[in-house]
Amino acid sequence: NSLLGKYYSLKDTLIEEDGKRYRLEIAFDMTIQKQQSR
């Protein structure tokens, strides 16, 4: 994410509710996780 200047691992899914479709995204900050530096 160039706006935040950080790397993220993202999990996206589709939720259907009340006749509408929604995108739910959970973003895990990878920048501070040393074990994922590679």
PDB file of all heavy atoms in Angstrom:
ATOM      1  N   ASN A   1       0.852  -1.180   0.000  1.00  0.00           N
ATOM      2  CA  ASN A   1       0.000   0.000   0.000  1.00  0.00           C
ATOM      3  C   ASN A   1       0.893   1.237   0.000  1.00  0.00           C
ATOM      4  O   ASN A   1       1.518   1.574   1.007  1.00  0.00           O
ATOM      5  CB  ASN A   1      -0.919   0.001   1.229  1.00  0.00           C
ATOM      6  CG  ASN A   1      -1.945   1.110   1.181  1.00  0.00           C
ATOM      7  OD1 ASN A   1      -1.604   2.275   1.001  1.00  0.00           O
ATOM      8  ND2 ASN A   1      -3.208   0.746   1.360  1.00  0.00           N
ATOM      9  N   SER A   2       0.954   1.901  -1.167  1.00  0.00           N
ATOM     10  CA  SER A   2       1.856   3.050  -1.301  1.00  0.00           C
ATOM     11  C   SER A   2       1.376   4.239  -0.481  1.00  0.00           C
ATOM     12  O   SER A   2       2.180   5.102  -0.117  1.00  0.00           O
ATOM     13  CB  SER A   2       1.974   3.441  -2.780  1.00  0.00           C
ATOM     14  OG  SER A   2       0.704   3.745  -3.325  1.00  0.00           O
ATOM     15  N   LEU A   3       0.071   4.323  -0.177  1.00  0.00           N
ATOM     16  CA  LEU A   3      -0.436   5.426   0.638  1.00  0.00           C
ATOM     17  C   LEU A   3       0.039   5.307   2.076  1.00  0.00           C
ATOM     18  O   LEU A   3       0.417   6.305   2.705  1.00  0.00           O
ATOM     19  CB  LEU A   3      -1.973   5.444   0.597  1.00  0.00           C
ATOM     20  CG  LEU A   3      -2.662   6.639   1.257  1.00  0.00           C
ATOM     21  CD1 LEU A   3      -2.294   7.936   0.541  1.00  0.00           C
ATOM     22  CD2 LEU A   3      -4.171   6.452   1.275  1.00  0.00           C
ATOM     23  N   LEU A   4       0.067   4.070   2.594  1.00  0.00           N
ATOM     24  CA  LEU A   4       0.530   3.830   3.961  1.00  0.00           C
ATOM     25  C   LEU A   4       2.012   3.490   4.026  1.00  0.00           C
ATOM     26  O   LEU A   4       2.609   3.548   5.097  1.00  0.00           O
ATOM     27  CB  LEU A   4      -0.285   2.693   4.596  1.00  0.00           C
ATOM     28  CG  LEU A   4      -1.797   2.914   4.695  1.00  0.00           C
ATOM     29  CD1 LEU A   4      -2.466   1.682   5.301  1.00  0.00           C
ATOM     30  CD2 LEU A   4      -2.113   4.157   5.528  1.00  0.00           C
ATOM     31  N   GLY A   5       2.574   3.098   2.889  1.00  0.00           N
ATOM     32  CA  GLY A   5       3.987   2.731   2.871  1.00  0.00           C
ATOM     33  C   GLY A   5       4.261   1.424   3.579  1.00  0.00           C
ATOM     34  O   GLY A   5       5.323   1.249   4.192  1.00  0.00           O
ATOM     35  N   LYS A   6       3.310   0.475   3.489  1.00  0.00           N
ATOM     36  CA  LYS A   6       3.464  -0.798   4.188  1.00  0.00           C
ATOM     37  C   LYS A   6       3.029  -1.956   3.292  1.00  0.00           C
ATOM     38  O   LYS A   6       2.238  -1.778   2.374  1.00  0.00           O
ATOM     39  CB  LYS A   6       2.632  -0.818   5.477  1.00  0.00           C
ATOM     40  CG  LYS A   6       3.120   0.158   6.538  1.00  0.00           C
ATOM     41  CD  LYS A   6       2.327  -0.005   7.825  1.00  0.00           C
ATOM     42  CE  LYS A   6       2.863   0.906   8.914  1.00  0.00           C
ATOM     43  NZ  LYS A   6       2.148   0.720  10.194  1.00  0.00           N
ATOM     44  N   TYR A   7       3.556  -3.145   3.645  1.00  0.00           N
ATOM     45  CA  TYR A   7       3.177  -4.361   2.946  1.00  0.00           C
ATOM     46  C   TYR A   7       2.121  -5.098   3.768  1.00  0.00           C
ATOM     47  O   TYR A   7       2.215  -5.187   4.993  1.00  0.00           O
ATOM     48  CB  TYR A   7       4.391  -5.271   2.749  1.00  0.00           C
ATOM     49  CG  TYR A   7       5.412  -4.706   1.800  1.00  0.00           C
ATOM     50  CD1 TYR A   7       6.469  -3.938   2.272  1.00  0.00           C
ATOM     51  CD2 TYR A   7       5.311  -4.938   0.441  1.00  0.00           C
ATOM     52  CE1 TYR A   7       7.406  -3.414   1.394  1.00  0.00           C
ATOM     53  CE2 TYR A   7       6.253  -4.416  -0.442  1.00  0.00           C
ATOM     54  CZ  TYR A   7       7.297  -3.651   0.050  1.00  0.00           C
ATOM     55  OH  TYR A   7       8.211  -3.130  -0.820  1.00  0.00           O
ATOM     56  N   TYR A   8       1.131  -5.636   3.073  1.00  0.00           N
ATOM     57  CA  TYR A   8       0.042  -6.318   3.756  1.00  0.00           C
ATOM     58  C   TYR A   8      -0.237  -7.679   3.123  1.00  0.00           C
ATOM     59  O   TYR A   8      -0.142  -7.848   1.913  1.00  0.00           O
ATOM     60  CB  TYR A   8      -1.244  -5.481   3.700  1.00  0.00           C
ATOM     61  CG  TYR A   8      -1.192  -4.243   4.555  1.00  0.00           C
ATOM     62  CD1 TYR A   8      -0.772  -3.036   4.024  1.00  0.00           C
ATOM     63  CD2 TYR A   8      -1.544  -4.292   5.908  1.00  0.00           C
ATOM     64  CE1 TYR A   8      -0.701  -1.895   4.818  1.00  0.00           C
ATOM     65  CE2 TYR A   8      -1.483  -3.153   6.702  1.00  0.00           C
ATOM     66  CZ  TYR A   8      -1.055  -1.958   6.152  1.00  0.00           C
ATOM     67  OH  TYR A   8      -0.991  -0.830   6.939  1.00  0.00           O
ATOM     68  N   SER A   9      -0.589  -8.622   4.001  1.00  0.00           N
ATOM     69  CA  SER A   9      -1.175  -9.885   3.563  1.00  0.00           C
ATOM     70  C   SER A   9      -2.688  -9.706   3.685  1.00  0.00           C
ATOM     71  O   SER A   9      -3.193  -9.379   4.759  1.00  0.00           O
ATOM     72  CB  SER A   9      -0.700 -11.036   4.437  1.00  0.00           C
ATOM     73  OG  SER A   9      -1.397 -12.223   4.114  1.00  0.00           O
ATOM     74  N   LEU A  10      -3.412  -9.919   2.579  1.00  0.00           N
ATOM     75  CA  LEU A  10      -4.831  -9.591   2.521  1.00  0.00           C
ATOM     76  C   LEU A  10      -5.687 -10.840   2.410  1.00  0.00           C
ATOM     77  O   LEU A  10      -5.325 -11.798   1.714  1.00  0.00           O
ATOM     78  CB  LEU A  10      -5.107  -8.680   1.322  1.00  0.00           C
ATOM     79  CG  LEU A  10      -4.240  -7.415   1.232  1.00  0.00           C
ATOM     80  CD1 LEU A  10      -4.497  -6.691  -0.081  1.00  0.00           C
ATOM     81  CD2 LEU A  10      -4.516  -6.497   2.398  1.00  0.00           C
ATOM     82  N   LYS A  11      -6.826 -10.806   3.086  1.00  0.00           N
ATOM     83  CA  LYS A  11      -7.828 -11.858   2.976  1.00  0.00           C
ATOM     84  C   LYS A  11      -9.152 -11.187   2.613  1.00  0.00           C
ATOM     85  O   LYS A  11      -9.670 -10.373   3.383  1.00  0.00           O
ATOM     86  CB  LYS A  11      -7.962 -12.635   4.291  1.00  0.00           C
ATOM     87  CG  LYS A  11      -6.720 -13.438   4.675  1.00  0.00           C
ATOM     88  CD  LYS A  11      -6.947 -14.185   5.980  1.00  0.00           C
ATOM     89  CE  LYS A  11      -5.723 -14.999   6.384  1.00  0.00           C
ATOM     90  NZ  LYS A  11      -5.475 -16.122   5.481  1.00  0.00           N
ATOM     91  N   ASP A  12      -9.678 -11.519   1.420  1.00  0.00           N
ATOM     92  CA  ASP A  12     -10.909 -10.901   0.912  1.00  0.00           C
ATOM     93  C   ASP A  12     -11.995 -11.951   0.767  1.00  0.00           C
ATOM     94  O   ASP A  12     -11.722 -13.100   0.385  1.00  0.00           O
ATOM     95  CB  ASP A  12     -10.677 -10.265  -0.466  1.00  0.00           C
ATOM     96  CG  ASP A  12      -9.560  -9.238  -0.455  1.00  0.00           C
ATOM     97  OD1 ASP A  12      -9.209  -8.774   0.644  1.00  0.00           O
ATOM     98  OD2 ASP A  12      -9.051  -8.918  -1.542  1.00  0.00           O
ATOM     99  N   THR A  13     -13.235 -11.542   1.032  1.00  0.00           N
ATOM    100  CA  THR A  13     -14.362 -12.431   0.782  1.00  0.00           C
ATOM    101  C   THR A  13     -15.589 -11.606   0.394  1.00  0.00           C
ATOM    102  O   THR A  13     -15.605 -10.379   0.535  1.00  0.00           O
ATOM    103  CB  THR A  13     -14.683 -13.316   1.999  1.00  0.00           C
ATOM    104  OG1 THR A  13     -15.609 -14.346   1.592  1.00  0.00           O
ATOM    105  CG2 THR A  13     -15.301 -12.501   3.129  1.00  0.00           C
ATOM    106  N   LEU A  14     -16.621 -12.300  -0.094  1.00  0.00           N
ATOM    107  CA  LEU A  14     -17.863 -11.678  -0.523  1.00  0.00           C
ATOM    108  C   LEU A  14     -18.958 -12.033   0.479  1.00  0.00           C
ATOM    109  O   LEU A  14     -19.137 -13.198   0.835  1.00  0.00           O
ATOM    110  CB  LEU A  14     -18.243 -12.175  -1.927  1.00  0.00           C
ATOM    111  CG  LEU A  14     -19.614 -11.795  -2.466  1.00  0.00           C
ATOM    112  CD1 LEU A  14     -19.726 -10.296  -2.665  1.00  0.00           C
ATOM    113  CD2 LEU A  14     -19.901 -12.524  -3.778  1.00  0.00           C
ATOM    114  N   ILE A  15     -19.677 -10.996   0.936  1.00  0.00           N
ATOM    115  CA  ILE A  15     -20.806 -11.188   1.836  1.00  0.00           C
ATOM    116  C   ILE A  15     -22.060 -10.666   1.155  1.00  0.00           C
ATOM    117  O   ILE A  15     -22.073  -9.535   0.642  1.00  0.00           O
ATOM    118  CB  ILE A  15     -20.590 -10.441   3.175  1.00  0.00           C
ATOM    119  CG1 ILE A  15     -19.375 -11.021   3.918  1.00  0.00           C
ATOM    120  CG2 ILE A  15     -21.833 -10.535   4.044  1.00  0.00           C
ATOM    121  CD1 ILE A  15     -19.029 -10.282   5.189  1.00  0.00           C
ATOM    122  N   GLU A  16     -23.108 -11.473   1.112  1.00  0.00           N
ATOM    123  CA  GLU A  16     -24.381 -11.067   0.532  1.00  0.00           C
ATOM    124  C   GLU A  16     -25.388 -10.881   1.659  1.00  0.00           C
ATOM    125  O   GLU A  16     -25.648 -11.806   2.442  1.00  0.00           O
ATOM    126  CB  GLU A  16     -24.878 -12.112  -0.464  1.00  0.00           C
ATOM    127  CG  GLU A  16     -23.945 -12.264  -1.664  1.00  0.00           C
ATOM    128  CD  GLU A  16     -24.390 -13.340  -2.624  1.00  0.00           C
ATOM    129  OE1 GLU A  16     -25.031 -14.307  -2.166  1.00  0.00           O
ATOM    130  OE2 GLU A  16     -24.090 -13.213  -3.829  1.00  0.00           O
ATOM    131  N   GLU A  17     -25.954  -9.684   1.726  1.00  0.00           N
ATOM    132  CA  GLU A  17     -26.879  -9.383   2.814  1.00  0.00           C
ATOM    133  C   GLU A  17     -27.881  -8.331   2.374  1.00  0.00           C
ATOM    134  O   GLU A  17     -27.501  -7.318   1.775  1.00  0.00           O
ATOM    135  CB  GLU A  17     -26.098  -8.888   4.045  1.00  0.00           C
ATOM    136  CG  GLU A  17     -26.953  -8.745   5.292  1.00  0.00           C
ATOM    137  CD  GLU A  17     -26.092  -8.550   6.545  1.00  0.00           C
ATOM    138  OE1 GLU A  17     -25.244  -9.417   6.802  1.00  0.00           O
ATOM    139  OE2 GLU A  17     -26.263  -7.518   7.229  1.00  0.00           O
ATOM    140  N   ASP A  18     -29.159  -8.570   2.650  1.00  0.00           N
ATOM    141  CA  ASP A  18     -30.233  -7.627   2.320  1.00  0.00           C
ATOM    142  C   ASP A  18     -30.227  -7.246   0.845  1.00  0.00           C
ATOM    143  O   ASP A  18     -30.461  -6.081   0.477  1.00  0.00           O
ATOM    144  CB  ASP A  18     -30.114  -6.355   3.182  1.00  0.00           C
ATOM    145  CG  ASP A  18     -30.262  -6.650   4.662  1.00  0.00           C
ATOM    146  OD1 ASP A  18     -31.002  -7.604   5.010  1.00  0.00           O
ATOM    147  OD2 ASP A  18     -29.642  -5.924   5.464  1.00  0.00           O
ATOM    148  N   GLY A  19     -29.917  -8.221  -0.022  1.00  0.00           N
ATOM    149  CA  GLY A  19     -29.944  -7.968  -1.460  1.00  0.00           C
ATOM    150  C   GLY A  19     -28.738  -7.220  -1.991  1.00  0.00           C
ATOM    151  O   GLY A  19     -28.717  -6.838  -3.159  1.00  0.00           O
ATOM    152  N   LYS A  20     -27.740  -6.987  -1.146  1.00  0.00           N
ATOM    153  CA  LYS A  20     -26.541  -6.274  -1.583  1.00  0.00           C
ATOM    154  C   LYS A  20     -25.318  -7.173  -1.446  1.00  0.00           C
ATOM    155  O   LYS A  20     -25.307  -8.138  -0.669  1.00  0.00           O
ATOM    156  CB  LYS A  20     -26.345  -4.993  -0.783  1.00  0.00           C
ATOM    157  CG  LYS A  20     -27.392  -3.931  -1.072  1.00  0.00           C
ATOM    158  CD  LYS A  20     -27.015  -2.604  -0.416  1.00  0.00           C
ATOM    159  CE  LYS A  20     -27.987  -1.506  -0.805  1.00  0.00           C
ATOM    160  NZ  LYS A  20     -27.617  -0.194  -0.214  1.00  0.00           N
ATOM    161  N   ARG A  21     -24.272  -6.824  -2.203  1.00  0.00           N
ATOM    162  CA  ARG A  21     -23.018  -7.583  -2.170  1.00  0.00           C
ATOM    163  C   ARG A  21     -21.928  -6.705  -1.588  1.00  0.00           C
ATOM    164  O   ARG A  21     -21.723  -5.575  -2.036  1.00  0.00           O
ATOM    165  CB  ARG A  21     -22.632  -8.035  -3.577  1.00  0.00           C
ATOM    166  CG  ARG A  21     -23.710  -8.878  -4.272  1.00  0.00           C
ATOM    167  CD  ARG A  21     -23.233  -9.389  -5.608  1.00  0.00           C
ATOM    168  NE  ARG A  21     -22.696  -8.300  -6.424  1.00  0.00           N
ATOM    169  CZ  ARG A  21     -21.697  -8.434  -7.293  1.00  0.00           C
ATOM    170  NH1 ARG A  21     -21.125  -9.620  -7.444  1.00  0.00           N
ATOM    171  NH2 ARG A  21     -21.293  -7.413  -8.007  1.00  0.00           N
ATOM    172  N   TYR A  22     -21.233  -7.256  -0.581  1.00  0.00           N
ATOM    173  CA  TYR A  22     -20.204  -6.488   0.100  1.00  0.00           C
ATOM    174  C   TYR A  22     -18.854  -7.209   0.029  1.00  0.00           C
ATOM    175  O   TYR A  22     -18.785  -8.439   0.055  1.00  0.00           O
ATOM    176  CB  TYR A  22     -20.564  -6.280   1.569  1.00  0.00           C
ATOM    177  CG  TYR A  22     -21.850  -5.531   1.789  1.00  0.00           C
ATOM    178  CD1 TYR A  22     -23.024  -6.215   2.112  1.00  0.00           C
ATOM    179  CD2 TYR A  22     -21.895  -4.151   1.678  1.00  0.00           C
ATOM    180  CE1 TYR A  22     -24.217  -5.531   2.328  1.00  0.00           C
ATOM    181  CE2 TYR A  22     -23.091  -3.459   1.887  1.00  0.00           C
ATOM    182  CZ  TYR A  22     -24.242  -4.154   2.216  1.00  0.00           C
ATOM    183  OH  TYR A  22     -25.411  -3.477   2.415  1.00  0.00           O
ATOM    184  N   ARG A  23     -17.813  -6.432  -0.050  1.00  0.00           N
ATOM    185  CA  ARG A  23     -16.445  -6.947   0.014  1.00  0.00           C
ATOM    186  C   ARG A  23     -15.931  -6.719   1.425  1.00  0.00           C
ATOM    187  O   ARG A  23     -15.940  -5.581   1.922  1.00  0.00           O
ATOM    188  CB  ARG A  23     -15.558  -6.202  -0.983  1.00  0.00           C
ATOM    189  CG  ARG A  23     -14.054  -6.447  -0.812  1.00  0.00           C
ATOM    190  CD  ARG A  23     -13.270  -5.318  -1.479  1.00  0.00           C
ATOM    191  NE  ARG A  23     -11.828  -5.517  -1.417  1.00  0.00           N
ATOM    192  CZ  ARG A  23     -11.116  -6.080  -2.384  1.00  0.00           C
ATOM    193  NH1 ARG A  23     -11.721  -6.475  -3.484  1.00  0.00           N
ATOM    194  NH2 ARG A  23      -9.807  -6.234  -2.254  1.00  0.00           N
ATOM    195  N   LEU A  24     -15.518  -7.784   2.077  1.00  0.00           N
ATOM    196  CA  LEU A  24     -14.878  -7.673   3.389  1.00  0.00           C
ATOM    197  C   LEU A  24     -13.412  -8.019   3.240  1.00  0.00           C
ATOM    198  O   LEU A  24     -13.075  -9.063   2.692  1.00  0.00           O
ATOM    199  CB  LEU A  24     -15.543  -8.606   4.404  1.00  0.00           C
ATOM    200  CG  LEU A  24     -15.000  -8.531   5.838  1.00  0.00           C
ATOM    201  CD1 LEU A  24     -16.111  -8.801   6.839  1.00  0.00           C
ATOM    202  CD2 LEU A  24     -13.852  -9.519   6.091  1.00  0.00           C
ATOM    203  N   GLU A  25     -12.557  -7.119   3.706  1.00  0.00           N
ATOM    204  CA  GLU A  25     -11.116  -7.364   3.594  1.00  0.00           C
ATOM    205  C   GLU A  25     -10.468  -7.212   4.958  1.00  0.00           C
ATOM    206  O   GLU A  25     -10.733  -6.255   5.700  1.00  0.00           O
ATOM    207  CB  GLU A  25     -10.470  -6.389   2.612  1.00  0.00           C
ATOM    208  CG  GLU A  25      -8.972  -6.641   2.433  1.00  0.00           C
ATOM    209  CD  GLU A  25      -8.380  -5.820   1.309  1.00  0.00           C
ATOM    210  OE1 GLU A  25      -8.499  -6.256   0.142  1.00  0.00           O
ATOM    211  OE2 GLU A  25      -7.810  -4.758   1.610  1.00  0.00           O
ATOM    212  N   ILE A  26      -9.630  -8.175   5.277  1.00  0.00           N
ATOM    213  CA  ILE A  26      -8.799  -8.119   6.483  1.00  0.00           C
ATOM    214  C   ILE A  26      -7.356  -8.002   6.029  1.00  0.00           C
ATOM    215  O   ILE A  26      -6.882  -8.814   5.218  1.00  0.00           O
ATOM    216  CB  ILE A  26      -8.978  -9.379   7.347  1.00  0.00           C
ATOM    217  CG1 ILE A  26     -10.457  -9.618   7.658  1.00  0.00           C
ATOM    218  CG2 ILE A  26      -8.170  -9.258   8.634  1.00  0.00           C
ATOM    219  CD1 ILE A  26     -10.727 -10.925   8.366  1.00  0.00           C
ATOM    220  N   ALA A  27      -6.651  -6.973   6.508  1.00  0.00           N
ATOM    221  CA  ALA A  27      -5.276  -6.704   6.071  1.00  0.00           C
ATOM    222  C   ALA A  27      -4.324  -6.876   7.249  1.00  0.00           C
ATOM    223  O   ALA A  27      -4.451  -6.179   8.266  1.00  0.00           O
ATOM    224  CB  ALA A  27      -5.177  -5.289   5.504  1.00  0.00           C
ATOM    225  N   PHE A  28      -3.395  -7.790   7.121  1.00  0.00           N
ATOM    226  CA  PHE A  28      -2.400  -8.057   8.162  1.00  0.00           C
ATOM    227  C   PHE A  28      -1.093  -7.357   7.798  1.00  0.00           C
ATOM    228  O   PHE A  28      -0.545  -7.572   6.714  1.00  0.00           O
ATOM    229  CB  PHE A  28      -2.164  -9.564   8.309  1.00  0.00           C
ATOM    230  CG  PHE A  28      -3.397 -10.327   8.681  1.00  0.00           C
ATOM    231  CD1 PHE A  28      -4.232 -10.853   7.697  1.00  0.00           C
ATOM    232  CD2 PHE A  28      -3.752 -10.503  10.000  1.00  0.00           C
ATOM    233  CE1 PHE A  28      -5.378 -11.552   8.030  1.00  0.00           C
ATOM    234  CE2 PHE A  28      -4.910 -11.210  10.352  1.00  0.00           C
ATOM    235  CZ  PHE A  28      -5.725 -11.729   9.358  1.00  0.00           C
ATOM    236  N   ASP A  29      -0.612  -6.537   8.694  1.00  0.00           N
ATOM    237  CA  ASP A  29       0.607  -5.781   8.459  1.00  0.00           C
ATOM    238  C   ASP A  29       1.797  -6.726   8.474  1.00  0.00           C
ATOM    239  O   ASP A  29       2.108  -7.341   9.496  1.00  0.00           O
ATOM    240  CB  ASP A  29       0.758  -4.706   9.531  1.00  0.00           C
ATOM    241  CG  ASP A  29       1.928  -3.777   9.261  1.00  0.00           C
ATOM    242  OD1 ASP A  29       2.695  -4.039   8.319  1.00  0.00           O
ATOM    243  OD2 ASP A  29       2.069  -2.784   9.988  1.00  0.00           O
ATOM    244  N   MET A  30       2.457  -6.862   7.325  1.00  0.00           N
ATOM    245  CA  MET A  30       3.615  -7.742   7.224  1.00  0.00           C
ATOM    246  C   MET A  30       4.912  -7.002   7.500  1.00  0.00           C
ATOM    247  O   MET A  30       5.953  -7.630   7.733  1.00  0.00           O
ATOM    248  CB  MET A  30       3.675  -8.362   5.818  1.00  0.00           C
ATOM    249  CG  MET A  30       2.523  -9.286   5.483  1.00  0.00           C
ATOM    250  SD  MET A  30       2.627  -9.911   3.800  1.00  0.00           S
ATOM    251  CE  MET A  30       4.173 -10.811   3.873  1.00  0.00           C
ATOM    252  N   THR A  31       4.876  -5.701   7.471  1.00  0.00           N
ATOM    253  CA  THR A  31       6.099  -4.917   7.576  1.00  0.00           C
ATOM    254  C   THR A  31       6.798  -5.140   8.901  1.00  0.00           C
ATOM    255  O   THR A  31       8.028  -5.167   8.964  1.00  0.00           O
ATOM    256  CB  THR A  31       5.760  -3.430   7.391  1.00  0.00           C
ATOM    257  OG1 THR A  31       4.971  -3.271   6.211  1.00  0.00           O
ATOM    258  CG2 THR A  31       7.020  -2.592   7.257  1.00  0.00           C
ATOM    259  N   ILE A  32       6.034  -5.315   9.978  1.00  0.00           N
ATOM    260  CA  ILE A  32       6.638  -5.427  11.312  1.00  0.00           C
ATOM    261  C   ILE A  32       6.862  -6.876  11.730  1.00  0.00           C
ATOM    262  O   ILE A  32       7.276  -7.145  12.838  1.00  0.00           O
ATOM    263  CB  ILE A  32       5.751  -4.720  12.354  1.00  0.00           C
ATOM    264  CG1 ILE A  32       4.371  -5.360  12.402  1.00  0.00           C
ATOM    265  CG2 ILE A  32       5.630  -3.236  12.057  1.00  0.00           C
ATOM    266  CD1 ILE A  32       3.477  -4.809  13.515  1.00  0.00           C
ATOM    267  N   GLN A  33       6.592  -7.786  10.850  1.00  0.00           N
ATOM    268  CA  GLN A  33       6.749  -9.199  11.194  1.00  0.00           C
ATOM    269  C   GLN A  33       8.081  -9.714  10.661  1.00  0.00           C
ATOM    270  O   GLN A  33       8.214  -9.995   9.472  1.00  0.00           O
ATOM    271  CB  GLN A  33       5.578 -10.009  10.616  1.00  0.00           C
ATOM    272  CG  GLN A  33       4.230  -9.553  11.176  1.00  0.00           C
ATOM    273  CD  GLN A  33       3.082 -10.337  10.600  1.00  0.00           C
ATOM    274  OE1 GLN A  33       3.245 -11.502  10.245  1.00  0.00           O
ATOM    275  NE2 GLN A  33       1.919  -9.711  10.516  1.00  0.00           N
ATOM    276  N   LYS A  34       9.021  -9.828  11.523  1.00  0.00           N
ATOM    277  CA  LYS A  34      10.377 -10.194  11.095  1.00  0.00           C
ATOM    278  C   LYS A  34      10.422 -11.568  10.450  1.00  0.00           C
ATOM    279  O   LYS A  34      11.229 -11.817   9.570  1.00  0.00           O
ATOM    280  CB  LYS A  34      11.314 -10.162  12.312  1.00  0.00           C
ATOM    281  CG  LYS A  34      11.545  -8.764  12.867  1.00  0.00           C
ATOM    282  CD  LYS A  34      12.541  -8.793  14.011  1.00  0.00           C
ATOM    283  CE  LYS A  34      12.783  -7.386  14.539  1.00  0.00           C
ATOM    284  NZ  LYS A  34      13.749  -7.379  15.666  1.00  0.00           N
ATOM    285  N   GLN A  35       9.556 -12.463  10.908  1.00  0.00           N
ATOM    286  CA  GLN A  35       9.600 -13.804  10.356  1.00  0.00           C
ATOM    287  C   GLN A  35       9.152 -13.851   8.911  1.00  0.00           C
ATOM    288  O   GLN A  35       9.360 -14.835   8.209  1.00  0.00           O
ATOM    289  CB  GLN A  35       8.745 -14.765  11.192  1.00  0.00           C
ATOM    290  CG  GLN A  35       7.260 -14.485  11.137  1.00  0.00           C
ATOM    291  CD  GLN A  35       6.812 -13.516  12.220  1.00  0.00           C
ATOM    292  OE1 GLN A  35       7.608 -12.680  12.641  1.00  0.00           O
ATOM    293  NE2 GLN A  35       5.571 -13.656  12.666  1.00  0.00           N
ATOM    294  N   GLN A  36       8.523 -12.756   8.432  1.00  0.00           N
ATOM    295  CA  GLN A  36       8.075 -12.723   7.055  1.00  0.00           C
ATOM    296  C   GLN A  36       8.918 -11.782   6.211  1.00  0.00           C
ATOM    297  O   GLN A  36       8.535 -11.415   5.108  1.00  0.00           O
ATOM    298  CB  GLN A  36       6.603 -12.276   6.996  1.00  0.00           C
ATOM    299  CG  GLN A  36       5.661 -13.279   7.632  1.00  0.00           C
ATOM    300  CD  GLN A  36       4.215 -12.825   7.566  1.00  0.00           C
ATOM    301  OE1 GLN A  36       3.924 -11.645   7.672  1.00  0.00           O
ATOM    302  NE2 GLN A  36       3.321 -13.767   7.391  1.00  0.00           N
ATOM    303  N   SER A  37      10.075 -11.413   6.701  1.00  0.00           N
ATOM    304  CA  SER A  37      10.898 -10.422   5.994  1.00  0.00           C
ATOM    305  C   SER A  37      11.317 -10.916   4.608  1.00  0.00           C
ATOM    306  O   SER A  37      11.384 -10.133   3.650  1.00  0.00           O
ATOM    307  CB  SER A  37      12.134 -10.083   6.826  1.00  0.00           C
ATOM    308  OG  SER A  37      12.917 -11.245   7.047  1.00  0.00           O
ATOM    309  N   ARG A  38      11.554 -12.212   4.471  1.00  0.00           N
ATOM    310  CA  ARG A  38      11.963 -12.725   3.169  1.00  0.00           C
ATOM    311  C   ARG A  38      10.817 -12.599   2.158  1.00  0.00           C
ATOM    312  O   ARG A  38      11.024 -12.212   1.003  1.00  0.00           O
ATOM    313  CB  ARG A  38      12.374 -14.187   3.300  1.00  0.00           C
ATOM    314  CG  ARG A  38      12.778 -14.797   1.965  1.00  0.00           C
ATOM    315  CD  ARG A  38      13.143 -16.254   2.104  1.00  0.00           C
ATOM    316  NE  ARG A  38      13.432 -16.842   0.810  1.00  0.00           N
ATOM    317  CZ  ARG A  38      13.682 -18.139   0.633  1.00  0.00           C
ATOM    318  NH1 ARG A  38      13.695 -18.964   1.665  1.00  0.00           N
ATOM    319  NH2 ARG A  38      13.940 -18.594  -0.576  1.00  0.00           N
TER     320      ARG A  38
END
